[in-house]
Protein backbone atom coordinates (compact mmCIF):
# COMPACT_ATOMS: atom_id res chain seq x y z
CA UNK A 1 108.60 92.79 107.69
CA UNK A 2 106.20 93.58 110.89
CA UNK A 3 108.52 95.19 112.82
CA UNK A 4 109.94 97.30 110.03
CA UNK A 5 106.71 98.70 109.13
CA UNK A 6 106.66 99.99 112.77
CA UNK A 7 109.81 101.59 113.05
CA UNK A 8 109.01 103.28 109.87
CA UNK A 9 105.61 104.18 110.86
CA UNK A 10 107.28 105.62 114.26
CA UNK A 11 109.55 107.57 112.32
CA UNK A 12 107.14 109.08 109.73
CA UNK A 13 104.78 110.11 112.90
CA UNK A 14 107.85 111.94 114.39
CA UNK A 15 108.80 113.83 111.22
CA UNK A 16 105.00 114.85 110.96
CA UNK A 17 105.08 116.20 114.63
CA UNK A 18 108.46 117.97 114.15
CA UNK A 19 107.27 119.46 110.91
CA UNK A 20 104.12 120.97 112.10
CA UNK A 21 106.16 122.46 115.56
CA UNK A 22 108.64 124.33 113.23
CA UNK A 23 106.54 127.61 112.74
CA UNK A 24 106.02 128.27 116.21
CA UNK A 25 109.49 127.24 117.56
CA UNK A 26 111.47 129.17 114.93
CA UNK A 27 109.42 132.29 116.04
CA UNK A 28 109.73 131.49 119.68
CA UNK A 29 113.73 131.39 119.31
CA UNK A 30 113.64 134.47 117.29
CA UNK A 31 111.72 136.36 119.73
CA UNK A 32 112.82 134.97 123.17
CA UNK A 33 116.59 133.33 122.67
CA UNK A 34 118.23 136.30 120.61
CA UNK A 35 118.89 139.38 122.01
CA UNK A 36 118.45 141.88 118.98
CA UNK A 37 115.48 143.77 119.03
CA UNK A 38 112.06 142.12 117.04
CA UNK A 39 111.23 142.56 113.59
CA UNK A 40 114.17 144.09 112.30
CA UNK A 41 115.96 143.35 109.25
CA UNK A 42 118.35 140.67 111.36
CA UNK A 43 115.12 139.42 113.28
CA UNK A 44 113.24 138.66 109.89
CA UNK A 45 116.28 137.05 108.19
CA UNK A 46 116.94 135.00 111.46
CA UNK A 47 113.68 133.88 111.93
CA UNK A 48 113.41 132.87 108.18
CA UNK A 49 116.64 130.88 108.55
CA UNK A 50 115.85 129.06 111.61
CA UNK A 51 112.17 128.02 109.98
CA UNK A 52 113.21 127.27 106.43
CA UNK A 53 116.85 125.38 107.32
CA UNK A 54 115.21 121.95 109.27
CA UNK A 55 112.11 122.49 106.99
CA UNK A 56 113.97 121.96 104.04
CA UNK A 57 116.22 119.20 105.73
CA UNK A 58 112.84 117.53 107.01
CA UNK A 59 111.39 117.58 103.04
CA UNK A 60 114.78 116.40 101.75
CA UNK A 61 115.50 113.57 104.02
CA UNK A 62 111.73 112.29 103.42
CA UNK A 63 111.94 112.33 99.76
CA UNK A 64 115.40 111.39 99.21
CA UNK A 65 114.71 108.28 101.44
CA UNK A 66 111.51 107.46 99.20
CA UNK A 67 113.57 108.03 95.90
CA UNK A 68 116.26 105.76 97.35
CA UNK A 69 113.53 102.95 97.68
CA UNK A 70 112.20 103.46 94.21
CA UNK A 71 115.74 103.62 92.86
CA UNK A 72 116.30 100.10 93.88
CA UNK A 73 113.86 99.13 91.29
CA UNK A 74 115.39 101.14 88.54
CA UNK A 75 119.04 99.79 88.28
CA UNK A 76 121.32 101.10 84.78
CA UNK A 77 120.73 97.62 83.49
CA UNK A 78 117.06 97.68 83.81
CA UNK A 79 116.92 101.21 82.72
CA UNK A 80 118.59 100.65 79.58
CA UNK A 81 116.61 97.34 78.76
CA UNK A 82 113.11 98.91 78.78
CA UNK A 83 114.72 102.01 76.71
CA UNK A 84 115.98 99.84 74.12
CA UNK A 85 114.33 98.83 70.80
CA UNK A 86 111.49 101.48 71.49
CA UNK A 87 110.26 103.73 68.31
CA UNK A 88 111.59 107.32 69.08
CA UNK A 89 108.40 109.03 69.88
CA UNK A 90 107.49 106.37 72.54
CA UNK A 91 111.00 106.52 73.53
CA UNK A 92 111.50 110.17 74.40
CA UNK A 93 108.44 110.13 76.58
CA UNK A 94 109.70 106.85 78.41
CA UNK A 95 113.10 107.95 78.98
CA UNK A 96 111.84 111.37 80.25
CA UNK A 97 109.91 109.58 82.48
CA UNK A 98 112.56 107.42 83.95
CA UNK A 99 114.47 110.65 84.13
CA UNK A 100 112.03 111.96 86.63
CA UNK A 101 112.10 108.57 88.70
CA UNK A 102 115.36 107.80 88.51
CA UNK A 103 117.44 110.59 90.86
CA UNK A 104 120.64 111.72 89.25
CA UNK A 105 122.28 115.17 88.96
CA UNK A 106 123.20 116.71 85.47
CA UNK A 107 126.47 114.76 86.09
CA UNK A 108 125.94 111.80 87.31
CA UNK A 109 123.05 111.37 84.46
CA UNK A 110 126.25 111.33 81.85
CA UNK A 111 127.76 107.84 82.43
CA UNK A 112 124.17 106.59 81.86
CA UNK A 113 123.74 108.87 78.83
CA UNK A 114 127.32 106.98 77.65
CA UNK A 115 125.35 103.38 78.53
CA UNK A 116 122.35 104.38 76.76
CA UNK A 117 124.05 105.46 73.21
CA UNK A 118 126.48 102.33 73.62
CA UNK A 119 123.53 100.04 73.99
CA UNK A 120 121.85 101.64 70.71
CA UNK A 121 119.17 103.79 72.16
CA UNK A 122 118.66 106.52 69.60
CA UNK A 123 120.23 109.89 70.33
CA UNK A 124 117.21 111.94 70.81
CA UNK A 125 115.94 109.55 73.45
CA UNK A 126 118.87 109.52 75.62
CA UNK A 127 118.83 113.41 75.37
CA UNK A 128 115.26 113.13 76.96
CA UNK A 129 116.77 111.16 79.85
CA UNK A 130 119.94 113.61 80.07
CA UNK A 131 117.20 116.71 80.51
CA UNK A 132 114.97 115.19 82.61
CA UNK A 133 116.91 113.51 85.09
CA UNK A 134 118.24 116.81 86.43
CA UNK A 135 115.81 119.43 85.53
CA UNK A 136 112.71 117.22 87.00
CA UNK A 137 114.66 116.86 90.21
CA UNK A 138 113.01 115.15 93.09
CA UNK A 139 114.61 117.50 95.59
CA UNK A 140 113.21 120.27 93.64
CA UNK A 141 109.65 118.66 93.45
CA UNK A 142 109.41 118.30 97.27
CA UNK A 143 110.70 121.58 98.22
CA UNK A 144 108.44 123.24 95.45
CA UNK A 145 105.56 121.06 96.95
CA UNK A 146 106.56 121.94 100.65
CA UNK A 147 106.96 125.78 99.85
CA UNK A 148 104.55 126.70 97.01
CA UNK A 149 101.71 123.88 97.14
CA UNK A 150 100.80 121.40 94.31
CA UNK A 151 100.00 123.60 91.80
CA UNK A 152 103.05 125.02 91.09
CA UNK A 153 105.03 121.46 91.63
CA UNK A 154 102.64 120.28 89.37
CA UNK A 155 103.24 122.92 86.66
CA UNK A 156 106.97 122.06 87.20
CA UNK A 157 106.77 118.77 86.67
CA UNK A 158 104.73 119.17 83.42
CA UNK A 159 106.67 121.80 81.85
CA UNK A 160 109.72 120.04 82.57
CA UNK A 161 108.63 116.80 81.21
CA UNK A 162 107.38 118.35 78.18
CA UNK A 163 111.09 120.47 77.60
CA UNK A 164 112.61 117.01 77.86
CA UNK A 165 110.52 114.83 75.62
CA UNK A 166 110.47 118.05 73.12
CA UNK A 167 114.22 118.78 73.23
CA UNK A 168 115.05 114.90 72.89
CA UNK A 169 112.71 114.64 69.91
CA UNK A 170 114.06 117.81 68.06
CA UNK A 171 117.79 116.79 68.77
CA UNK A 172 116.82 113.48 67.63
CA UNK A 173 115.11 114.90 64.24
CA UNK A 174 118.47 116.65 63.36
CA UNK A 175 120.21 113.48 62.74
CA UNK A 176 123.45 114.93 64.87
CA UNK A 177 124.81 111.47 65.50
CA UNK A 178 128.19 112.20 63.73
CA UNK A 179 128.72 115.06 66.40
CA UNK A 180 129.47 112.13 69.15
CA UNK A 181 132.59 111.20 69.55
CA UNK A 182 133.43 107.81 67.61
CA UNK A 183 135.15 105.93 70.81
CA UNK A 184 131.53 105.84 72.41
CA UNK A 185 129.61 103.75 69.83
CA UNK A 186 132.88 101.30 69.62
CA UNK A 187 132.40 100.56 73.58
CA UNK A 188 131.22 97.27 74.29
CA UNK A 189 128.02 96.81 77.05
CA UNK A 190 128.08 94.17 79.52
CA UNK A 191 124.48 93.51 80.75
CA UNK A 192 123.86 92.40 84.30
CA UNK A 193 122.07 89.20 85.11
CA UNK A 194 118.41 90.13 85.66
CA UNK A 195 118.06 87.19 88.01
CA UNK A 196 120.85 88.64 90.17
CA UNK A 197 118.89 91.78 90.79
CA UNK A 198 116.46 90.77 93.45
CA UNK A 199 116.29 92.86 96.46
CA UNK A 200 114.46 92.17 99.45
CA UNK A 201 112.16 95.09 101.06
CA UNK A 202 114.83 95.32 104.26
CA UNK A 203 117.43 95.81 101.46
CA UNK A 204 115.10 98.62 99.38
CA UNK A 205 114.83 100.58 102.61
CA UNK A 206 118.72 100.24 103.48
CA UNK A 207 118.83 101.56 100.35
CA UNK A 208 116.66 104.56 101.17
CA UNK A 209 118.86 105.00 104.49
CA UNK A 210 121.93 104.94 102.25
CA UNK A 211 120.36 107.64 99.66
CA UNK A 212 119.76 109.93 102.79
CA UNK A 213 123.16 109.28 104.15
CA UNK A 214 125.00 110.34 100.83
CA UNK A 215 122.83 112.85 99.14
CA UNK A 216 121.80 114.61 102.09
CA UNK A 217 125.12 114.29 103.65
CA UNK A 218 126.49 116.04 100.45
CA UNK A 219 124.14 118.45 99.94
CA UNK A 220 123.51 119.94 103.42
CA UNK A 221 125.94 122.84 103.08
CA UNK A 222 124.60 123.72 100.04
CA UNK A 223 121.56 123.79 101.27
CA UNK A 224 122.37 125.82 104.36
CA UNK A 225 124.26 128.57 102.56
CA UNK A 226 121.23 128.73 100.04
CA UNK A 227 119.14 129.47 103.01
CA UNK A 228 121.66 132.18 104.28
CA UNK A 229 121.39 133.56 101.27
CA UNK A 230 117.51 133.45 100.88
CA UNK A 231 117.58 135.00 104.40
CA UNK A 232 119.68 137.73 103.52
CA UNK A 233 117.33 138.54 100.66
CA UNK A 234 114.17 138.03 102.50
CA UNK A 235 115.56 140.44 105.58
CA UNK A 236 117.35 143.38 103.46
CA UNK A 237 116.56 143.45 100.18
CA UNK A 238 113.79 145.86 99.05
CA UNK A 239 110.84 144.40 97.50
CA UNK A 240 110.69 147.18 94.88
CA UNK A 241 114.06 146.25 93.42
CA UNK A 242 113.55 142.90 92.82
CA UNK A 243 110.04 143.42 91.23
CA UNK A 244 111.82 146.01 88.73
CA UNK A 245 114.47 143.18 87.65
CA UNK A 246 112.49 140.03 87.84
CA UNK A 247 108.81 141.11 88.06
CA UNK A 248 106.39 140.45 85.09
CA UNK A 249 106.60 144.01 83.85
CA UNK A 250 110.23 143.40 82.48
CA UNK A 251 109.82 141.52 79.19
CA UNK A 252 113.68 140.76 79.24
CA UNK A 253 114.23 139.29 82.74
CA UNK A 254 113.18 135.58 81.83
CA UNK A 255 115.87 135.42 79.06
CA UNK A 256 118.20 137.43 81.31
CA UNK A 257 117.29 134.89 84.09
CA UNK A 258 118.02 131.93 81.88
CA UNK A 259 121.55 133.52 80.86
CA UNK A 260 123.03 134.07 84.30
CA UNK A 261 121.57 130.79 85.34
CA UNK A 262 123.22 128.53 82.33
CA UNK A 263 126.63 129.04 83.17
CA UNK A 264 126.29 128.45 86.95
CA UNK A 265 126.47 125.24 89.22
CA UNK A 266 124.14 124.35 92.48
CA UNK A 267 121.89 122.12 92.98
CA UNK A 268 118.02 121.95 93.66
CA UNK A 269 118.97 122.02 97.78
CA UNK A 270 120.94 125.22 97.44
CA UNK A 271 118.99 127.20 94.63
CA UNK A 272 115.43 126.37 95.81
CA UNK A 273 115.62 128.53 99.29
CA UNK A 274 117.11 131.48 97.21
CA UNK A 275 113.80 131.07 94.81
CA UNK A 276 111.65 131.24 97.94
CA UNK A 277 113.28 134.15 99.01
CA UNK A 278 113.37 136.16 95.67
CA UNK A 279 109.42 135.23 95.26
CA UNK A 280 108.83 136.89 98.53
CA UNK A 281 110.41 140.05 97.28
CA UNK A 282 108.13 140.62 94.21
CA UNK A 283 110.16 138.50 91.74
CA UNK A 284 107.87 136.78 88.93
CA UNK A 285 107.22 133.13 89.07
CA UNK A 286 108.15 131.90 85.62
CA UNK A 287 111.24 134.40 85.97
CA UNK A 288 112.59 132.80 89.27
CA UNK A 289 111.80 129.28 87.93
CA UNK A 290 113.50 129.74 84.55
CA UNK A 291 116.49 130.64 86.61
CA UNK A 292 116.19 127.83 88.66
CA UNK A 293 115.64 125.38 86.00
CA UNK A 294 118.45 126.44 83.76
CA UNK A 295 120.93 126.29 87.08
CA UNK A 296 120.31 122.59 87.71
CA UNK A 297 119.60 121.47 84.15
CA UNK A 298 122.59 123.09 82.56
CA UNK A 299 125.51 123.15 84.62
CA UNK A 300 128.89 123.90 83.77
CA UNK A 301 130.70 120.81 85.04
CA UNK A 302 127.66 118.72 83.15
CA UNK A 303 129.21 120.45 79.92
CA UNK A 304 132.63 119.81 80.77
CA UNK A 305 131.91 116.11 81.28
CA UNK A 306 130.30 115.88 77.95
CA UNK A 307 132.70 117.33 76.19
CA UNK A 308 134.44 114.07 76.46
CA UNK A 309 131.38 112.12 74.69
CA UNK A 310 129.79 115.25 72.12
CA UNK A 311 131.49 117.46 69.88
CA UNK A 312 131.20 121.21 70.42
CA UNK A 313 128.40 121.32 68.12
CA UNK A 314 126.14 119.02 69.77
CA UNK A 315 126.72 120.66 72.96
CA UNK A 316 125.99 123.81 71.53
CA UNK A 317 122.46 122.80 70.25
CA UNK A 318 121.68 120.73 73.47
CA UNK A 319 122.23 123.86 75.61
CA UNK A 320 120.30 126.23 72.79
CA UNK A 321 117.36 123.85 72.32
CA UNK A 322 116.99 123.31 76.59
CA UNK A 323 117.34 127.27 77.19
CA UNK A 324 115.12 127.97 74.51
CA UNK A 325 112.58 125.38 76.28
CA UNK A 326 112.91 127.15 79.90
CA UNK A 327 112.54 130.30 78.21
CA UNK A 328 109.30 129.59 77.04
CA UNK A 329 108.13 127.95 80.41
CA UNK A 330 109.23 131.43 82.18
CA UNK A 331 107.18 133.51 79.89
CA UNK A 332 104.22 130.40 80.30
CA UNK A 333 104.50 130.57 84.19
CA UNK A 334 104.32 134.26 84.37
CA UNK A 335 101.19 134.34 82.02
CA UNK A 336 99.35 131.65 84.08
CA UNK A 337 100.16 132.85 87.38
């Protein structure tokens, strides 16, 4: 155990040293390694990419490792056991909180959503989990913290949690269980034996490393693509153009951003570098975050998977309620910041 702690401390120290060196290193490489003139559009774009790409990868690796360790405490069976039998008001808040600490994307949360329904958990409570799991994403939270500071990250966390709780409560009050496909309630759920779930700290660290390999290994191409798009925006897109389309003065910008984001599909790693670049070009924070939240919380693949479980009316209500909540949050951010 002591040897494990020493290795983790050394790895963390190396992470801090590399992270602190990135600003100066990216500028030095841009100025001395590449042959194009300094401070041009291309130079600004390259420096942005050289700084943001390793920075985001470092943040992502650290957070995914930590969440991988936390995930070992929350198996699907244990999560179902925590939620089962709770009153709806309590269950919505608990489910949304569990959605935050169990790092599932919009598509991978659907199997758990089905498991919750078959375990007898109320429909509205299961929707609170389904909304919070992708929307309040650990990757998004970490990157917002690193790029914009704790205030923006805290607002994102609080508003995302509120949307998940309120939307789940509304769906629960609408009594739409008849719009769930009948086969879901006919499934038999086999519970795992909790006694077999004990995991050592070595095993939890191994879970964290496997999470880094699986998650970072899958998302890094999207992340680099997103940063490349962000670098292009940073280097070439005029500030006045972005401010006119997504600035606070355009009242229609928030609902338009949500309408554009809903049919799209991306993950937080790919979309947040674009968010960063848009903000630097004068786009309003609330408008851009509304776009980001709609992309990662209401993905088209998720809707396709949910159609196997839910009828179109319920899917439409789910998308509509969450989209309205995200729109309200966008206006709130623009008003507060």
